[in-house]
């Protein structure tokens, strides 16, 4: 029977392989048959595992990106359906298929990799008639200075700092 350390090392290898395939911690935990929180504890307590964890996640993201590029470029084969039924070729009897492409996937990939396709937006906040925004709030320092000025004025007028004689 392997030692607990051997079991841990084996599970860590399983987790890293799963993350490199698909960077999803919950999925990796299910595959390794452990609680996902344990993975995060290892990431926080074991610098070597943390580095491998982040590398595996990055590899998984690259794998997903590669799959997205392939789907965007080559499309996905889907069966042709008409009125809820699969359609056969009239001469061969084979199920008909078609290549389906995702314009939104292509747009997102272009947006991520080329500044010309990135969404541009700007927001400008102005006050009345395009002027600066006016607020009634004053800073704590302004309020303190106002209180000091009031006290100084009362003292200068022969009163007391507390405002009562």
C-alpha atoms as a PDB file:
ATOM      1  CA  UNK A   1       0.000   0.000   0.000  1.00  0.00           C
ATOM      2  CA  UNK A   2       1.473   3.385  -0.977  1.00  0.00           C
ATOM      3  CA  UNK A   3       2.316   5.840   1.717  1.00  0.00           C
ATOM      4  CA  UNK A   4       0.141   8.921   2.235  1.00  0.00           C
ATOM      5  CA  UNK A   5       2.929  10.984   0.699  1.00  0.00           C
ATOM      6  CA  UNK A   6       2.870   8.723  -2.386  1.00  0.00           C
ATOM      7  CA  UNK A   7      -0.911   9.013  -2.612  1.00  0.00           C
ATOM      8  CA  UNK A   8      -0.676  12.794  -2.347  1.00  0.00           C
ATOM      9  CA  UNK A   9       2.014  12.968  -5.034  1.00  0.00           C
ATOM     10  CA  UNK A  10      -0.048  10.735  -7.332  1.00  0.00           C
ATOM     11  CA  UNK A  11      -3.169  12.850  -6.819  1.00  0.00           C
ATOM     12  CA  UNK A  12      -1.230  16.036  -7.473  1.00  0.00           C
ATOM     13  CA  UNK A  13      -0.036  14.544 -10.789  1.00  0.00           C
ATOM     14  CA  UNK A  14      -3.628  13.637 -11.704  1.00  0.00           C
ATOM     15  CA  UNK A  15      -4.803  17.157 -10.834  1.00  0.00           C
ATOM     16  CA  UNK A  16      -2.077  18.822 -12.891  1.00  0.00           C
ATOM     17  CA  UNK A  17      -2.825  16.608 -15.901  1.00  0.00           C
ATOM     18  CA  UNK A  18      -6.544  17.359 -15.636  1.00  0.00           C
ATOM     19  CA  UNK A  19      -5.917  21.109 -15.359  1.00  0.00           C
ATOM     20  CA  UNK A  20      -3.630  21.065 -18.397  1.00  0.00           C
ATOM     21  CA  UNK A  21      -6.457  19.439 -20.338  1.00  0.00           C
ATOM     22  CA  UNK A  22      -9.177  21.751 -19.013  1.00  0.00           C
ATOM     23  CA  UNK A  23      -8.429  24.480 -16.440  1.00  0.00           C
ATOM     24  CA  UNK A  24     -11.346  23.703 -14.126  1.00  0.00           C
ATOM     25  CA  UNK A  25     -10.474  22.981 -10.485  1.00  0.00           C
ATOM     26  CA  UNK A  26     -13.805  21.328  -9.672  1.00  0.00           C
ATOM     27  CA  UNK A  27     -13.361  18.898 -12.569  1.00  0.00           C
ATOM     28  CA  UNK A  28      -9.759  18.178 -11.569  1.00  0.00           C
ATOM     29  CA  UNK A  29     -10.874  17.493  -7.990  1.00  0.00           C
ATOM     30  CA  UNK A  30     -13.557  15.048  -9.181  1.00  0.00           C
ATOM     31  CA  UNK A  31     -11.019  13.221 -11.349  1.00  0.00           C
ATOM     32  CA  UNK A  32      -8.550  12.996  -8.425  1.00  0.00           C
ATOM     33  CA  UNK A  33     -11.387  12.087  -6.030  1.00  0.00           C
ATOM     34  CA  UNK A  34     -10.591  14.816  -3.528  1.00  0.00           C
ATOM     35  CA  UNK A  35     -12.250  17.955  -2.255  1.00  0.00           C
ATOM     36  CA  UNK A  36     -11.477  21.000  -4.412  1.00  0.00           C
ATOM     37  CA  UNK A  37     -10.589  23.026  -1.297  1.00  0.00           C
ATOM     38  CA  UNK A  38      -7.661  20.693  -0.704  1.00  0.00           C
ATOM     39  CA  UNK A  39      -6.251  21.747  -4.076  1.00  0.00           C
ATOM     40  CA  UNK A  40      -6.391  25.389  -3.024  1.00  0.00           C
ATOM     41  CA  UNK A  41      -4.752  24.526   0.325  1.00  0.00           C
ATOM     42  CA  UNK A  42      -1.908  22.854  -1.588  1.00  0.00           C
ATOM     43  CA  UNK A  43      -1.597  25.908  -3.848  1.00  0.00           C
ATOM     44  CA  UNK A  44      -1.342  28.155  -0.767  1.00  0.00           C
ATOM     45  CA  UNK A  45       1.020  25.938   1.214  1.00  0.00           C
ATOM     46  CA  UNK A  46       3.280  24.333  -1.420  1.00  0.00           C
ATOM     47  CA  UNK A  47       5.149  26.807  -3.661  1.00  0.00           C
ATOM     48  CA  UNK A  48       6.341  24.039  -6.001  1.00  0.00           C
ATOM     49  CA  UNK A  49       2.797  22.733  -6.486  1.00  0.00           C
ATOM     50  CA  UNK A  50       1.513  26.317  -6.865  1.00  0.00           C
ATOM     51  CA  UNK A  51       3.937  26.950  -9.734  1.00  0.00           C
ATOM     52  CA  UNK A  52       2.962  23.680 -11.430  1.00  0.00           C
ATOM     53  CA  UNK A  53      -0.729  24.436 -10.794  1.00  0.00           C
ATOM     54  CA  UNK A  54      -0.492  27.815 -12.536  1.00  0.00           C
ATOM     55  CA  UNK A  55       1.488  26.331 -15.433  1.00  0.00           C
ATOM     56  CA  UNK A  56      -1.082  23.556 -15.860  1.00  0.00           C
ATOM     57  CA  UNK A  57      -3.946  26.076 -15.833  1.00  0.00           C
ATOM     58  CA  UNK A  58      -2.147  28.160 -18.444  1.00  0.00           C
ATOM     59  CA  UNK A  59      -1.650  25.058 -20.610  1.00  0.00           C
ATOM     60  CA  UNK A  60      -5.351  24.306 -20.228  1.00  0.00           C
ATOM     61  CA  UNK A  61      -6.281  27.808 -21.351  1.00  0.00           C
ATOM     62  CA  UNK A  62      -4.025  27.412 -24.399  1.00  0.00           C
ATOM     63  CA  UNK A  63      -5.717  24.086 -25.191  1.00  0.00           C
ATOM     64  CA  UNK A  64      -9.145  25.724 -24.988  1.00  0.00           C
ATOM     65  CA  UNK A  65      -7.988  28.606 -27.145  1.00  0.00           C
ATOM     66  CA  UNK A  66      -6.641  26.173 -29.727  1.00  0.00           C
ATOM     67  CA  UNK A  67      -9.970  24.333 -29.744  1.00  0.00           C
ATOM     68  CA  UNK A  68     -11.803  27.640 -30.155  1.00  0.00           C
ATOM     69  CA  UNK A  69      -9.606  28.605 -33.114  1.00  0.00           C
ATOM     70  CA  UNK A  70     -10.204  25.208 -34.717  1.00  0.00           C
ATOM     71  CA  UNK A  71     -13.975  25.497 -34.235  1.00  0.00           C
ATOM     72  CA  UNK A  72     -13.983  29.055 -35.569  1.00  0.00           C
ATOM     73  CA  UNK A  73     -11.902  28.145 -38.627  1.00  0.00           C
ATOM     74  CA  UNK A  74     -13.178  24.635 -39.443  1.00  0.00           C
ATOM     75  CA  UNK A  75     -16.638  24.750 -37.909  1.00  0.00           C
ATOM     76  CA  UNK A  76     -18.436  21.880 -36.214  1.00  0.00           C
ATOM     77  CA  UNK A  77     -20.150  19.007 -37.967  1.00  0.00           C
ATOM     78  CA  UNK A  78     -23.809  18.709 -36.989  1.00  0.00           C
ATOM     79  CA  UNK A  79     -26.592  16.477 -38.183  1.00  0.00           C
ATOM     80  CA  UNK A  80     -29.282  18.122 -40.307  1.00  0.00           C
ATOM     81  CA  UNK A  81     -32.627  18.135 -38.502  1.00  0.00           C
ATOM     82  CA  UNK A  82     -35.994  18.970 -40.058  1.00  0.00           C
ATOM     83  CA  UNK A  83     -39.156  19.148 -37.950  1.00  0.00           C
ATOM     84  CA  UNK A  84     -37.383  17.375 -35.120  1.00  0.00           C
ATOM     85  CA  UNK A  85     -36.212  14.463 -37.290  1.00  0.00           C
ATOM     86  CA  UNK A  86     -32.762  13.618 -38.628  1.00  0.00           C
ATOM     87  CA  UNK A  87     -32.594  13.953 -42.406  1.00  0.00           C
ATOM     88  CA  UNK A  88     -31.172  11.265 -44.708  1.00  0.00           C
ATOM     89  CA  UNK A  89     -29.612  11.795 -48.104  1.00  0.00           C
ATOM     90  CA  UNK A  90     -32.251  10.742 -50.668  1.00  0.00           C
ATOM     91  CA  UNK A  91     -29.833   8.650 -52.761  1.00  0.00           C
ATOM     92  CA  UNK A  92     -27.394   7.169 -50.216  1.00  0.00           C
ATOM     93  CA  UNK A  93     -29.580   6.972 -47.126  1.00  0.00           C
ATOM     94  CA  UNK A  94     -26.723   8.429 -45.056  1.00  0.00           C
ATOM     95  CA  UNK A  95     -27.558  10.932 -42.356  1.00  0.00           C
ATOM     96  CA  UNK A  96     -26.994  14.447 -43.672  1.00  0.00           C
ATOM     97  CA  UNK A  97     -24.515  16.661 -41.869  1.00  0.00           C
ATOM     98  CA  UNK A  98     -23.468  20.265 -42.256  1.00  0.00           C
ATOM     99  CA  UNK A  99     -20.540  22.383 -41.114  1.00  0.00           C
ATOM    100  CA  UNK A 100     -21.707  25.049 -38.681  1.00  0.00           C
ATOM    101  CA  UNK A 101     -19.557  28.083 -37.917  1.00  0.00           C
ATOM    102  CA  UNK A 102     -19.859  30.508 -35.038  1.00  0.00           C
ATOM    103  CA  UNK A 103     -19.559  34.129 -36.105  1.00  0.00           C
ATOM    104  CA  UNK A 104     -19.613  35.239 -32.467  1.00  0.00           C
ATOM    105  CA  UNK A 105     -16.679  32.922 -31.655  1.00  0.00           C
ATOM    106  CA  UNK A 106     -14.699  34.343 -34.573  1.00  0.00           C
ATOM    107  CA  UNK A 107     -15.492  37.879 -33.406  1.00  0.00           C
ATOM    108  CA  UNK A 108     -14.405  37.134 -29.824  1.00  0.00           C
ATOM    109  CA  UNK A 109     -11.118  35.580 -30.963  1.00  0.00           C
ATOM    110  CA  UNK A 110     -10.361  38.541 -33.211  1.00  0.00           C
ATOM    111  CA  UNK A 111     -11.261  40.913 -30.392  1.00  0.00           C
ATOM    112  CA  UNK A 112      -8.861  39.119 -28.053  1.00  0.00           C
ATOM    113  CA  UNK A 113      -5.941  39.105 -30.474  1.00  0.00           C
ATOM    114  CA  UNK A 114      -6.180  42.216 -32.633  1.00  0.00           C
ATOM    115  CA  UNK A 115      -6.692  45.762 -31.382  1.00  0.00           C
ATOM    116  CA  UNK A 116      -8.554  46.675 -34.569  1.00  0.00           C
ATOM    117  CA  UNK A 117     -11.446  44.441 -33.465  1.00  0.00           C
ATOM    118  CA  UNK A 118     -11.549  45.398 -29.804  1.00  0.00           C
ATOM    119  CA  UNK A 119     -14.651  47.105 -28.551  1.00  0.00           C
ATOM    120  CA  UNK A 120     -14.174  50.774 -27.976  1.00  0.00           C
ATOM    121  CA  UNK A 121     -16.221  52.640 -25.454  1.00  0.00           C
ATOM    122  CA  UNK A 122     -15.835  55.791 -23.468  1.00  0.00           C
ATOM    123  CA  UNK A 123     -17.867  57.376 -20.743  1.00  0.00           C
ATOM    124  CA  UNK A 124     -17.797  60.995 -19.742  1.00  0.00           C
ATOM    125  CA  UNK A 125     -19.589  62.323 -16.718  1.00  0.00           C
ATOM    126  CA  UNK A 126     -20.380  66.007 -16.559  1.00  0.00           C
ATOM    127  CA  UNK A 127     -22.501  68.275 -14.448  1.00  0.00           C
ATOM    128  CA  UNK A 128     -25.181  70.740 -15.486  1.00  0.00           C
ATOM    129  CA  UNK A 129     -24.646  72.244 -18.955  1.00  0.00           C
ATOM    130  CA  UNK A 130     -21.498  70.156 -19.454  1.00  0.00           C
ATOM    131  CA  UNK A 131     -19.735  71.688 -16.468  1.00  0.00           C
ATOM    132  CA  UNK A 132     -18.055  69.903 -13.582  1.00  0.00           C
ATOM    133  CA  UNK A 133     -20.108  67.681 -11.317  1.00  0.00           C
ATOM    134  CA  UNK A 134     -21.064  69.600  -8.213  1.00  0.00           C
ATOM    135  CA  UNK A 135     -21.381  67.796  -4.927  1.00  0.00           C
ATOM    136  CA  UNK A 136     -22.597  68.928  -1.566  1.00  0.00           C
ATOM    137  CA  UNK A 137     -20.179  66.662   0.228  1.00  0.00           C
ATOM    138  CA  UNK A 138     -17.117  68.230   1.716  1.00  0.00           C
ATOM    139  CA  UNK A 139     -14.051  66.409   2.825  1.00  0.00           C
ATOM    140  CA  UNK A 140     -13.442  65.676   6.500  1.00  0.00           C
ATOM    141  CA  UNK A 141     -10.495  68.081   6.394  1.00  0.00           C
ATOM    142  CA  UNK A 142     -12.715  70.877   5.031  1.00  0.00           C
ATOM    143  CA  UNK A 143     -15.319  70.223   7.743  1.00  0.00           C
ATOM    144  CA  UNK A 144     -12.620  70.259  10.440  1.00  0.00           C
ATOM    145  CA  UNK A 145     -11.140  73.485   9.084  1.00  0.00           C
ATOM    146  CA  UNK A 146     -14.609  75.076   9.078  1.00  0.00           C
ATOM    147  CA  UNK A 147     -15.114  74.098  12.747  1.00  0.00           C
ATOM    148  CA  UNK A 148     -11.685  75.505  13.697  1.00  0.00           C
ATOM    149  CA  UNK A 149     -12.453  78.765  11.887  1.00  0.00           C
ATOM    150  CA  UNK A 150     -15.794  79.012  13.732  1.00  0.00           C
ATOM    151  CA  UNK A 151     -14.165  78.431  17.109  1.00  0.00           C
ATOM    152  CA  UNK A 152     -11.418  80.979  16.334  1.00  0.00           C
ATOM    153  CA  UNK A 153     -14.027  83.555  15.342  1.00  0.00           C
ATOM    154  CA  UNK A 154     -15.966  83.036  18.584  1.00  0.00           C
ATOM    155  CA  UNK A 155     -12.792  83.331  20.683  1.00  0.00           C
ATOM    156  CA  UNK A 156     -11.777  86.471  18.802  1.00  0.00           C
ATOM    157  CA  UNK A 157     -15.222  87.948  19.489  1.00  0.00           C
ATOM    158  CA  UNK A 158     -14.798  87.416  23.235  1.00  0.00           C
ATOM    159  CA  UNK A 159     -16.688  84.131  23.435  1.00  0.00           C
ATOM    160  CA  UNK A 160     -15.429  80.673  24.439  1.00  0.00           C
ATOM    161  CA  UNK A 161     -14.273  77.768  22.361  1.00  0.00           C
ATOM    162  CA  UNK A 162     -17.407  75.793  23.289  1.00  0.00           C
ATOM    163  CA  UNK A 163     -19.690  78.463  21.967  1.00  0.00           C
ATOM    164  CA  UNK A 164     -21.284  79.212  25.373  1.00  0.00           C
ATOM    165  CA  UNK A 165     -20.405  82.001  27.802  1.00  0.00           C
END
